[in-house]
Amino acid sequence: MTGKINRVKSTNDIELKDRLVAINRVTKVTKGGRTFSFSAIVVVGNEAGIVGWGLGKASEVTTAIAKGVEAAKKNLVKVPVLKGTIPHDQLAKFGGALVYIKPASPGTGVKAGGAMRAVLESVGITDVLAKSKGSSNPHNLVKATIAALCELRDAATVAQNRGISVEKVFKG
C-alpha cells in the first residue's frame, strides 16, 4: 500500500455494528477421534467511515464470533466517504484476491458480492460498483477490500499533502 493508513485510536465513543462474513468448521483428527472448532470472519463498522475486520477461533460458534468482534475492534481504519460513495476508483490485491471498486451515482446501491458487500456496507458506502477477480476466498476478499479502502484519498487530503488549495487539485 502506498497511502498512509488512517488507524482509529479510540473506540470508546464509536457505536459499531458487526456483520458476520463467513464461518468455517475446522476438523482436527486425533487419536481419540475428531475435534471440531470454528473460525469466524467478522467486519465491524459505524456506517460513517470507520471499518475493521477480525478473525475469531473457538470450539463454539458464538464464542468464535465474539472473539472476531473483539479482534475487529483492534483493526479499525478511517475511510473517506463522499455523499455515500468513494472519491475515486481503486484496485487492490491481497493473496489471490483482486478487487476493483468504482464510485457510482446516487441511487445505484452497493453492486458487490459476498464479503466485499459486508465491508462496503459496514463502512457506510451506499453507492458503489465493485468487482472481484481471482480468488473468492472470503479471508482474502475482506483484506483486499479494506486495503483498497485504505488507499482512498479525498481532495482535501491530497491538497494538504501537496500544500496547495483544493481548487488547484482539480485544475492541475
N, C-alpha and C. Protein backbone atom coordinates (compact mmCIF):
# COMPACT_ATOMS: atom_id res chain seq x y z
N MET A 1 0.83 -1.18 0.00
CA MET A 1 0.00 0.00 0.00
C MET A 1 0.88 1.24 0.00
N THR A 2 0.51 2.17 -0.84
CA THR A 2 1.30 3.38 -0.95
C THR A 2 0.83 4.46 0.02
N GLY A 3 -0.46 4.53 0.28
CA GLY A 3 -1.00 5.59 1.13
C GLY A 3 -0.80 5.29 2.61
N LYS A 4 -0.99 6.33 3.41
CA LYS A 4 -0.88 6.20 4.85
C LYS A 4 -2.20 5.66 5.39
N ILE A 5 -2.12 4.65 6.23
CA ILE A 5 -3.33 4.05 6.80
C ILE A 5 -3.79 4.91 7.96
N ASN A 6 -5.05 5.30 7.93
CA ASN A 6 -5.64 6.13 8.98
C ASN A 6 -6.24 5.24 10.05
N ARG A 7 -5.42 4.80 10.99
CA ARG A 7 -5.91 3.95 12.08
C ARG A 7 -6.72 4.78 13.07
N VAL A 8 -7.75 4.17 13.65
CA VAL A 8 -8.58 4.82 14.65
C VAL A 8 -7.98 4.50 16.01
N LYS A 9 -7.75 5.55 16.79
CA LYS A 9 -7.06 5.37 18.08
C LYS A 9 -7.97 4.80 19.16
N SER A 10 -9.14 5.42 19.36
CA SER A 10 -10.01 5.05 20.47
C SER A 10 -11.37 4.61 19.94
N THR A 11 -11.92 3.56 20.53
CA THR A 11 -13.23 3.06 20.11
C THR A 11 -14.29 3.30 21.18
N ASN A 12 -13.98 4.11 22.19
CA ASN A 12 -14.90 4.31 23.30
C ASN A 12 -16.19 5.01 22.89
N ASP A 13 -16.10 6.06 22.08
CA ASP A 13 -17.27 6.85 21.73
C ASP A 13 -17.88 6.47 20.38
N ILE A 14 -17.44 5.37 19.79
CA ILE A 14 -17.94 4.94 18.49
C ILE A 14 -18.88 3.74 18.68
N GLU A 15 -20.08 3.85 18.10
CA GLU A 15 -21.02 2.73 18.15
C GLU A 15 -20.84 1.88 16.90
N LEU A 16 -20.34 0.68 17.07
CA LEU A 16 -20.00 -0.20 15.95
C LEU A 16 -21.04 -1.28 15.76
N LYS A 17 -21.37 -1.57 14.49
CA LYS A 17 -22.26 -2.68 14.15
C LYS A 17 -21.40 -3.78 13.54
N ASP A 18 -21.66 -5.02 13.95
CA ASP A 18 -20.84 -6.11 13.41
C ASP A 18 -21.64 -6.92 12.39
N ARG A 19 -20.92 -7.42 11.39
CA ARG A 19 -21.50 -8.28 10.35
C ARG A 19 -20.65 -9.54 10.24
N LEU A 20 -21.30 -10.65 10.22
CA LEU A 20 -20.62 -11.93 10.05
C LEU A 20 -20.42 -12.18 8.56
N VAL A 21 -19.17 -12.39 8.16
CA VAL A 21 -18.87 -12.62 6.75
C VAL A 21 -18.89 -14.11 6.44
N ALA A 22 -18.18 -14.90 7.25
CA ALA A 22 -18.11 -16.34 6.98
C ALA A 22 -17.79 -17.10 8.26
N ILE A 23 -18.32 -18.31 8.33
CA ILE A 23 -17.98 -19.25 9.42
C ILE A 23 -17.42 -20.49 8.76
N ASN A 24 -16.34 -21.00 9.31
CA ASN A 24 -15.71 -22.20 8.77
C ASN A 24 -15.56 -23.23 9.88
N ARG A 25 -16.03 -24.44 9.64
CA ARG A 25 -15.83 -25.51 10.62
C ARG A 25 -14.55 -26.25 10.28
N VAL A 26 -13.69 -26.36 11.25
CA VAL A 26 -12.39 -26.99 11.07
C VAL A 26 -12.36 -28.28 11.89
N THR A 27 -11.86 -29.35 11.31
CA THR A 27 -11.79 -30.63 12.00
C THR A 27 -10.35 -31.01 12.24
N LYS A 28 -10.06 -31.39 13.47
CA LYS A 28 -8.72 -31.87 13.83
C LYS A 28 -8.87 -33.34 14.21
N VAL A 29 -8.16 -34.20 13.52
CA VAL A 29 -8.26 -35.64 13.79
C VAL A 29 -7.13 -36.02 14.75
N THR A 30 -7.53 -36.57 15.88
CA THR A 30 -6.56 -37.02 16.88
C THR A 30 -6.77 -38.51 17.15
N LYS A 31 -5.97 -39.04 18.06
CA LYS A 31 -6.08 -40.46 18.41
C LYS A 31 -7.45 -40.76 19.02
N GLY A 32 -8.02 -39.80 19.73
CA GLY A 32 -9.32 -40.00 20.37
C GLY A 32 -10.51 -39.76 19.46
N GLY A 33 -10.29 -39.32 18.26
CA GLY A 33 -11.38 -39.05 17.32
C GLY A 33 -11.24 -37.67 16.71
N ARG A 34 -12.37 -37.15 16.26
CA ARG A 34 -12.36 -35.83 15.62
C ARG A 34 -12.77 -34.75 16.62
N THR A 35 -12.06 -33.64 16.60
CA THR A 35 -12.48 -32.48 17.39
C THR A 35 -12.79 -31.34 16.43
N PHE A 36 -13.97 -30.75 16.60
CA PHE A 36 -14.43 -29.67 15.73
C PHE A 36 -14.18 -28.33 16.39
N SER A 37 -13.76 -27.36 15.58
CA SER A 37 -13.67 -25.98 16.05
C SER A 37 -14.16 -25.09 14.93
N PHE A 38 -14.40 -23.83 15.24
CA PHE A 38 -14.98 -22.90 14.27
C PHE A 38 -14.13 -21.65 14.16
N SER A 39 -14.03 -21.12 12.94
CA SER A 39 -13.39 -19.82 12.74
C SER A 39 -14.43 -18.91 12.09
N ALA A 40 -14.46 -17.66 12.55
CA ALA A 40 -15.45 -16.71 12.05
C ALA A 40 -14.75 -15.42 11.63
N ILE A 41 -15.06 -14.95 10.43
CA ILE A 41 -14.57 -13.66 9.95
C ILE A 41 -15.68 -12.65 10.19
N VAL A 42 -15.35 -11.57 10.90
CA VAL A 42 -16.34 -10.56 11.26
C VAL A 42 -15.84 -9.19 10.81
N VAL A 43 -16.76 -8.38 10.29
CA VAL A 43 -16.46 -7.00 9.91
C VAL A 43 -17.29 -6.09 10.80
N VAL A 44 -16.65 -5.08 11.40
CA VAL A 44 -17.38 -4.10 12.21
C VAL A 44 -17.20 -2.72 11.60
N GLY A 45 -18.21 -1.88 11.75
CA GLY A 45 -18.14 -0.52 11.23
C GLY A 45 -19.24 0.33 11.82
N ASN A 46 -19.04 1.65 11.76
CA ASN A 46 -20.05 2.56 12.29
C ASN A 46 -20.94 3.14 11.19
N GLU A 47 -20.77 2.67 9.95
CA GLU A 47 -21.53 3.13 8.78
C GLU A 47 -21.37 4.62 8.55
N ALA A 48 -20.21 5.17 8.98
CA ALA A 48 -19.90 6.59 8.78
C ALA A 48 -18.41 6.78 8.51
N GLY A 49 -17.76 5.79 7.88
CA GLY A 49 -16.36 5.95 7.50
C GLY A 49 -15.35 5.17 8.31
N ILE A 50 -15.78 4.36 9.26
CA ILE A 50 -14.85 3.57 10.05
C ILE A 50 -15.19 2.10 9.89
N VAL A 51 -14.16 1.28 9.62
CA VAL A 51 -14.37 -0.15 9.39
C VAL A 51 -13.16 -0.94 9.91
N GLY A 52 -13.40 -2.18 10.29
CA GLY A 52 -12.32 -3.07 10.72
C GLY A 52 -12.76 -4.52 10.56
N TRP A 53 -11.80 -5.43 10.50
CA TRP A 53 -12.13 -6.84 10.36
C TRP A 53 -11.39 -7.64 11.42
N GLY A 54 -11.93 -8.82 11.75
CA GLY A 54 -11.29 -9.66 12.74
C GLY A 54 -11.61 -11.12 12.48
N LEU A 55 -10.72 -11.97 12.96
CA LEU A 55 -10.88 -13.41 12.84
C LEU A 55 -10.92 -14.00 14.25
N GLY A 56 -11.96 -14.78 14.53
CA GLY A 56 -12.08 -15.42 15.84
C GLY A 56 -12.14 -16.92 15.67
N LYS A 57 -11.42 -17.63 16.54
CA LYS A 57 -11.42 -19.09 16.50
C LYS A 57 -11.77 -19.62 17.88
N ALA A 58 -12.70 -20.60 17.91
CA ALA A 58 -13.11 -21.19 19.19
C ALA A 58 -13.83 -22.50 18.91
N SER A 59 -14.14 -23.23 19.99
CA SER A 59 -14.82 -24.51 19.84
C SER A 59 -16.33 -24.34 19.67
N GLU A 60 -16.85 -23.14 19.93
CA GLU A 60 -18.26 -22.85 19.72
C GLU A 60 -18.41 -21.66 18.78
N VAL A 61 -19.49 -21.64 18.02
CA VAL A 61 -19.70 -20.59 17.03
C VAL A 61 -19.84 -19.22 17.69
N THR A 62 -20.65 -19.12 18.73
CA THR A 62 -20.89 -17.83 19.38
C THR A 62 -19.62 -17.25 19.98
N THR A 63 -18.78 -18.10 20.54
CA THR A 63 -17.50 -17.65 21.10
C THR A 63 -16.57 -17.19 20.00
N ALA A 64 -16.56 -17.90 18.87
CA ALA A 64 -15.71 -17.51 17.74
C ALA A 64 -16.13 -16.15 17.20
N ILE A 65 -17.44 -15.91 17.10
CA ILE A 65 -17.93 -14.61 16.62
C ILE A 65 -17.56 -13.50 17.59
N ALA A 66 -17.72 -13.75 18.88
CA ALA A 66 -17.37 -12.74 19.89
C ALA A 66 -15.88 -12.40 19.83
N LYS A 67 -15.04 -13.42 19.66
CA LYS A 67 -13.59 -13.18 19.54
C LYS A 67 -13.27 -12.40 18.27
N GLY A 68 -13.99 -12.70 17.19
CA GLY A 68 -13.80 -11.98 15.93
C GLY A 68 -14.17 -10.51 16.06
N VAL A 69 -15.25 -10.21 16.79
CA VAL A 69 -15.66 -8.82 17.01
C VAL A 69 -14.60 -8.07 17.80
N GLU A 70 -14.07 -8.71 18.84
CA GLU A 70 -13.02 -8.07 19.66
C GLU A 70 -11.76 -7.82 18.83
N ALA A 71 -11.40 -8.76 17.98
CA ALA A 71 -10.23 -8.58 17.12
C ALA A 71 -10.48 -7.47 16.09
N ALA A 72 -11.70 -7.38 15.59
CA ALA A 72 -12.04 -6.35 14.59
C ALA A 72 -11.96 -4.96 15.19
N LYS A 73 -12.32 -4.82 16.46
CA LYS A 73 -12.28 -3.51 17.11
C LYS A 73 -10.85 -3.01 17.28
N LYS A 74 -9.88 -3.90 17.19
CA LYS A 74 -8.47 -3.51 17.31
C LYS A 74 -7.87 -3.13 15.96
N ASN A 75 -8.58 -3.41 14.85
CA ASN A 75 -8.07 -3.17 13.50
C ASN A 75 -8.85 -2.10 12.75
N LEU A 76 -9.38 -1.09 13.43
CA LEU A 76 -10.23 -0.10 12.78
C LEU A 76 -9.42 0.89 11.95
N VAL A 77 -9.96 1.24 10.79
CA VAL A 77 -9.35 2.25 9.92
C VAL A 77 -10.42 3.25 9.49
N LYS A 78 -9.99 4.48 9.18
CA LYS A 78 -10.89 5.54 8.73
C LYS A 78 -10.82 5.64 7.21
N VAL A 79 -11.98 5.72 6.58
CA VAL A 79 -12.09 5.73 5.12
C VAL A 79 -12.86 6.98 4.69
N PRO A 80 -12.40 7.69 3.64
CA PRO A 80 -13.17 8.85 3.16
C PRO A 80 -14.40 8.41 2.39
N VAL A 81 -15.58 8.84 2.86
CA VAL A 81 -16.84 8.55 2.17
C VAL A 81 -17.45 9.89 1.78
N LEU A 82 -17.67 10.11 0.49
CA LEU A 82 -18.22 11.37 -0.01
C LEU A 82 -19.60 11.14 -0.60
N LYS A 83 -20.63 11.68 0.03
CA LYS A 83 -22.02 11.59 -0.43
C LYS A 83 -22.43 10.14 -0.70
N GLY A 84 -22.02 9.24 0.16
CA GLY A 84 -22.43 7.84 0.05
C GLY A 84 -21.61 7.00 -0.91
N THR A 85 -20.59 7.58 -1.54
CA THR A 85 -19.75 6.81 -2.44
C THR A 85 -18.28 7.08 -2.13
N ILE A 86 -17.39 6.58 -2.96
CA ILE A 86 -15.96 6.74 -2.73
C ILE A 86 -15.42 7.86 -3.63
N PRO A 87 -14.28 8.48 -3.27
CA PRO A 87 -13.78 9.61 -4.05
C PRO A 87 -13.27 9.24 -5.45
N HIS A 88 -12.71 8.06 -5.63
CA HIS A 88 -12.16 7.65 -6.93
C HIS A 88 -12.11 6.14 -6.99
N ASP A 89 -11.86 5.60 -8.20
CA ASP A 89 -11.79 4.15 -8.33
C ASP A 89 -10.45 3.64 -7.82
N GLN A 90 -10.43 2.40 -7.35
CA GLN A 90 -9.24 1.85 -6.71
C GLN A 90 -9.14 0.35 -6.98
N LEU A 91 -7.92 -0.10 -7.17
CA LEU A 91 -7.62 -1.51 -7.40
C LEU A 91 -6.71 -1.97 -6.27
N ALA A 92 -6.98 -3.14 -5.70
CA ALA A 92 -6.12 -3.66 -4.64
C ALA A 92 -6.07 -5.17 -4.71
N LYS A 93 -4.97 -5.72 -4.22
CA LYS A 93 -4.76 -7.17 -4.26
C LYS A 93 -4.29 -7.64 -2.90
N PHE A 94 -4.80 -8.78 -2.48
CA PHE A 94 -4.30 -9.44 -1.28
C PHE A 94 -4.35 -10.93 -1.55
N GLY A 95 -3.21 -11.58 -1.49
CA GLY A 95 -3.15 -13.01 -1.81
C GLY A 95 -3.61 -13.23 -3.24
N GLY A 96 -4.58 -14.11 -3.44
CA GLY A 96 -5.09 -14.39 -4.77
C GLY A 96 -6.30 -13.55 -5.13
N ALA A 97 -6.75 -12.69 -4.21
CA ALA A 97 -7.95 -11.88 -4.47
C ALA A 97 -7.56 -10.52 -5.00
N LEU A 98 -8.22 -10.12 -6.09
CA LEU A 98 -8.02 -8.81 -6.69
C LEU A 98 -9.37 -8.12 -6.70
N VAL A 99 -9.45 -6.93 -6.12
CA VAL A 99 -10.71 -6.21 -6.06
C VAL A 99 -10.59 -4.86 -6.76
N TYR A 100 -11.68 -4.47 -7.41
CA TYR A 100 -11.77 -3.18 -8.08
C TYR A 100 -13.04 -2.51 -7.60
N ILE A 101 -12.90 -1.31 -7.01
CA ILE A 101 -14.07 -0.57 -6.56
C ILE A 101 -14.11 0.76 -7.31
N LYS A 102 -15.34 1.18 -7.65
CA LYS A 102 -15.53 2.35 -8.50
C LYS A 102 -16.70 3.16 -7.96
N PRO A 103 -16.57 4.50 -7.92
CA PRO A 103 -17.70 5.31 -7.43
C PRO A 103 -18.90 5.20 -8.36
N ALA A 104 -20.09 5.38 -7.78
CA ALA A 104 -21.32 5.28 -8.56
C ALA A 104 -22.23 6.45 -8.23
N SER A 105 -23.15 6.75 -9.13
CA SER A 105 -24.08 7.86 -8.93
C SER A 105 -25.12 7.49 -7.86
N PRO A 106 -25.71 8.51 -7.23
CA PRO A 106 -26.72 8.22 -6.18
C PRO A 106 -27.87 7.37 -6.71
N GLY A 107 -28.29 6.40 -5.92
CA GLY A 107 -29.37 5.51 -6.30
C GLY A 107 -28.92 4.20 -6.90
N THR A 108 -27.62 4.06 -7.14
CA THR A 108 -27.10 2.83 -7.74
C THR A 108 -27.17 1.67 -6.76
N GLY A 109 -26.82 1.91 -5.50
CA GLY A 109 -26.76 0.86 -4.49
C GLY A 109 -25.37 0.24 -4.44
N VAL A 110 -25.23 -0.76 -3.60
CA VAL A 110 -23.95 -1.45 -3.46
C VAL A 110 -23.97 -2.65 -4.40
N LYS A 111 -23.27 -2.51 -5.53
CA LYS A 111 -23.19 -3.61 -6.50
C LYS A 111 -21.90 -4.37 -6.21
N ALA A 112 -21.97 -5.26 -5.25
CA ALA A 112 -20.82 -6.06 -4.84
C ALA A 112 -21.33 -7.37 -4.28
N GLY A 113 -20.48 -8.37 -4.28
CA GLY A 113 -20.90 -9.67 -3.80
C GLY A 113 -20.28 -10.03 -2.47
N GLY A 114 -20.98 -10.86 -1.73
CA GLY A 114 -20.50 -11.53 -0.54
C GLY A 114 -19.68 -10.72 0.44
N ALA A 115 -18.41 -11.09 0.54
CA ALA A 115 -17.52 -10.50 1.53
C ALA A 115 -17.28 -9.02 1.26
N MET A 116 -17.20 -8.62 0.00
CA MET A 116 -16.99 -7.21 -0.34
C MET A 116 -18.19 -6.37 0.09
N ARG A 117 -19.38 -6.90 -0.10
CA ARG A 117 -20.60 -6.18 0.27
C ARG A 117 -20.63 -5.90 1.78
N ALA A 118 -20.26 -6.87 2.59
CA ALA A 118 -20.26 -6.69 4.04
C ALA A 118 -19.32 -5.56 4.46
N VAL A 119 -18.14 -5.50 3.85
CA VAL A 119 -17.16 -4.46 4.18
C VAL A 119 -17.68 -3.09 3.72
N LEU A 120 -18.17 -2.99 2.49
CA LEU A 120 -18.62 -1.71 1.94
C LEU A 120 -19.84 -1.17 2.68
N GLU A 121 -20.76 -2.03 3.07
CA GLU A 121 -21.93 -1.57 3.83
C GLU A 121 -21.55 -1.18 5.25
N SER A 122 -20.59 -1.87 5.84
CA SER A 122 -20.17 -1.54 7.20
C SER A 122 -19.48 -0.18 7.28
N VAL A 123 -18.79 0.20 6.20
CA VAL A 123 -18.09 1.49 6.20
C VAL A 123 -19.06 2.65 5.91
N GLY A 124 -20.25 2.34 5.40
CA GLY A 124 -21.25 3.37 5.17
C GLY A 124 -21.36 3.80 3.73
N ILE A 125 -20.82 3.05 2.82
CA ILE A 125 -20.92 3.36 1.40
C ILE A 125 -22.26 2.83 0.89
N THR A 126 -23.04 3.70 0.24
CA THR A 126 -24.36 3.29 -0.23
C THR A 126 -24.42 3.12 -1.75
N ASP A 127 -23.50 3.76 -2.47
CA ASP A 127 -23.49 3.68 -3.93
C ASP A 127 -22.08 3.38 -4.42
N VAL A 128 -21.85 2.17 -4.91
CA VAL A 128 -20.52 1.78 -5.39
C VAL A 128 -20.66 0.60 -6.35
N LEU A 129 -19.75 0.53 -7.31
CA LEU A 129 -19.65 -0.62 -8.20
C LEU A 129 -18.38 -1.36 -7.82
N ALA A 130 -18.45 -2.67 -7.67
CA ALA A 130 -17.29 -3.44 -7.24
C ALA A 130 -17.20 -4.73 -8.02
N LYS A 131 -15.97 -5.15 -8.26
CA LYS A 131 -15.73 -6.40 -8.97
C LYS A 131 -14.57 -7.11 -8.30
N SER A 132 -14.75 -8.40 -8.05
CA SER A 132 -13.64 -9.19 -7.51
C SER A 132 -13.19 -10.17 -8.57
N LYS A 133 -11.89 -10.25 -8.74
CA LYS A 133 -11.30 -11.17 -9.70
C LYS A 133 -10.35 -12.08 -8.96
N GLY A 134 -10.11 -13.24 -9.50
CA GLY A 134 -9.20 -14.17 -8.85
C GLY A 134 -9.92 -14.96 -7.78
N SER A 135 -9.30 -15.10 -6.64
CA SER A 135 -9.80 -15.93 -5.56
C SER A 135 -11.09 -15.36 -4.96
N SER A 136 -12.03 -16.23 -4.61
CA SER A 136 -13.24 -15.81 -3.92
C SER A 136 -13.18 -16.17 -2.43
N ASN A 137 -11.99 -16.47 -1.95
CA ASN A 137 -11.78 -16.78 -0.54
C ASN A 137 -12.17 -15.56 0.30
N PRO A 138 -13.14 -15.71 1.24
CA PRO A 138 -13.61 -14.54 1.99
C PRO A 138 -12.52 -13.87 2.83
N HIS A 139 -11.55 -14.64 3.32
CA HIS A 139 -10.44 -14.05 4.10
C HIS A 139 -9.71 -13.03 3.25
N ASN A 140 -9.28 -13.44 2.05
CA ASN A 140 -8.51 -12.57 1.19
C ASN A 140 -9.36 -11.46 0.58
N LEU A 141 -10.64 -11.71 0.31
CA LEU A 141 -11.51 -10.68 -0.23
C LEU A 141 -11.71 -9.54 0.78
N VAL A 142 -11.92 -9.87 2.03
CA VAL A 142 -12.09 -8.85 3.06
C VAL A 142 -10.82 -8.02 3.20
N LYS A 143 -9.67 -8.70 3.24
CA LYS A 143 -8.40 -7.98 3.38
C LYS A 143 -8.10 -7.11 2.17
N ALA A 144 -8.39 -7.59 0.96
CA ALA A 144 -8.16 -6.81 -0.25
C ALA A 144 -9.10 -5.60 -0.32
N THR A 145 -10.35 -5.79 0.09
CA THR A 145 -11.31 -4.68 0.07
C THR A 145 -10.90 -3.59 1.05
N ILE A 146 -10.47 -3.98 2.24
CA ILE A 146 -10.03 -2.99 3.23
C ILE A 146 -8.74 -2.32 2.77
N ALA A 147 -7.86 -3.07 2.09
CA ALA A 147 -6.64 -2.47 1.54
C ALA A 147 -6.99 -1.42 0.49
N ALA A 148 -7.99 -1.70 -0.35
CA ALA A 148 -8.42 -0.73 -1.36
C ALA A 148 -9.02 0.50 -0.70
N LEU A 149 -9.81 0.31 0.34
CA LEU A 149 -10.43 1.44 1.04
C LEU A 149 -9.38 2.29 1.76
N CYS A 150 -8.32 1.65 2.25
CA CYS A 150 -7.25 2.38 2.95
C CYS A 150 -6.46 3.28 1.99
N GLU A 151 -6.41 2.92 0.72
CA GLU A 151 -5.65 3.69 -0.25
C GLU A 151 -6.44 4.87 -0.83
N LEU A 152 -7.72 4.97 -0.51
CA LEU A 152 -8.53 6.07 -1.00
C LEU A 152 -8.13 7.38 -0.32
N ARG A 153 -8.12 8.47 -1.11
CA ARG A 153 -7.82 9.79 -0.56
C ARG A 153 -8.82 10.79 -1.12
N ASP A 154 -9.32 11.68 -0.28
CA ASP A 154 -10.23 12.71 -0.76
C ASP A 154 -9.43 13.94 -1.18
N ALA A 155 -10.10 14.88 -1.83
CA ALA A 155 -9.43 16.05 -2.39
C ALA A 155 -8.77 16.90 -1.31
N ALA A 156 -9.38 17.02 -0.14
CA ALA A 156 -8.81 17.83 0.94
C ALA A 156 -7.49 17.24 1.42
N THR A 157 -7.40 15.92 1.51
CA THR A 157 -6.16 15.26 1.95
C THR A 157 -5.07 15.44 0.91
N VAL A 158 -5.41 15.32 -0.37
CA VAL A 158 -4.44 15.50 -1.44
C VAL A 158 -3.91 16.93 -1.43
N ALA A 159 -4.81 17.90 -1.26
CA ALA A 159 -4.41 19.31 -1.23
C ALA A 159 -3.49 19.59 -0.04
N GLN A 160 -3.80 19.02 1.10
CA GLN A 160 -2.98 19.22 2.30
C GLN A 160 -1.59 18.61 2.11
N ASN A 161 -1.52 17.41 1.54
CA ASN A 161 -0.23 16.74 1.33
C ASN A 161 0.65 17.51 0.34
N ARG A 162 0.03 18.09 -0.69
CA ARG A 162 0.78 18.83 -1.70
C ARG A 162 1.03 20.28 -1.31
N GLY A 163 0.31 20.76 -0.30
CA GLY A 163 0.47 22.15 0.13
C GLY A 163 -0.15 23.15 -0.81
N ILE A 164 -1.26 22.77 -1.46
CA ILE A 164 -1.95 23.66 -2.38
C ILE A 164 -3.42 23.72 -2.01
N SER A 165 -4.18 24.57 -2.68
CA SER A 165 -5.60 24.70 -2.40
C SER A 165 -6.38 23.54 -3.07
N VAL A 166 -7.59 23.34 -2.58
CA VAL A 166 -8.44 22.26 -3.11
C VAL A 166 -8.80 22.54 -4.58
N GLU A 167 -8.99 23.82 -4.94
CA GLU A 167 -9.34 24.17 -6.32
C GLU A 167 -8.22 23.78 -7.29
N LYS A 168 -6.96 23.95 -6.84
CA LYS A 168 -5.81 23.61 -7.69
C LYS A 168 -5.69 22.11 -7.93
N VAL A 169 -6.19 21.31 -6.99
CA VAL A 169 -6.14 19.85 -7.15
C VAL A 169 -6.94 19.44 -8.38
N PHE A 170 -8.09 20.06 -8.58
CA PHE A 170 -8.96 19.71 -9.70
C PHE A 170 -8.50 20.32 -11.02
N LYS A 171 -7.78 21.45 -10.97
CA LYS A 171 -7.31 22.11 -12.20
C LYS A 171 -6.04 21.49 -12.73
N GLY A 172 -5.15 21.07 -11.85
CA GLY A 172 -3.83 20.64 -12.31
C GLY A 172 -3.69 19.19 -12.38
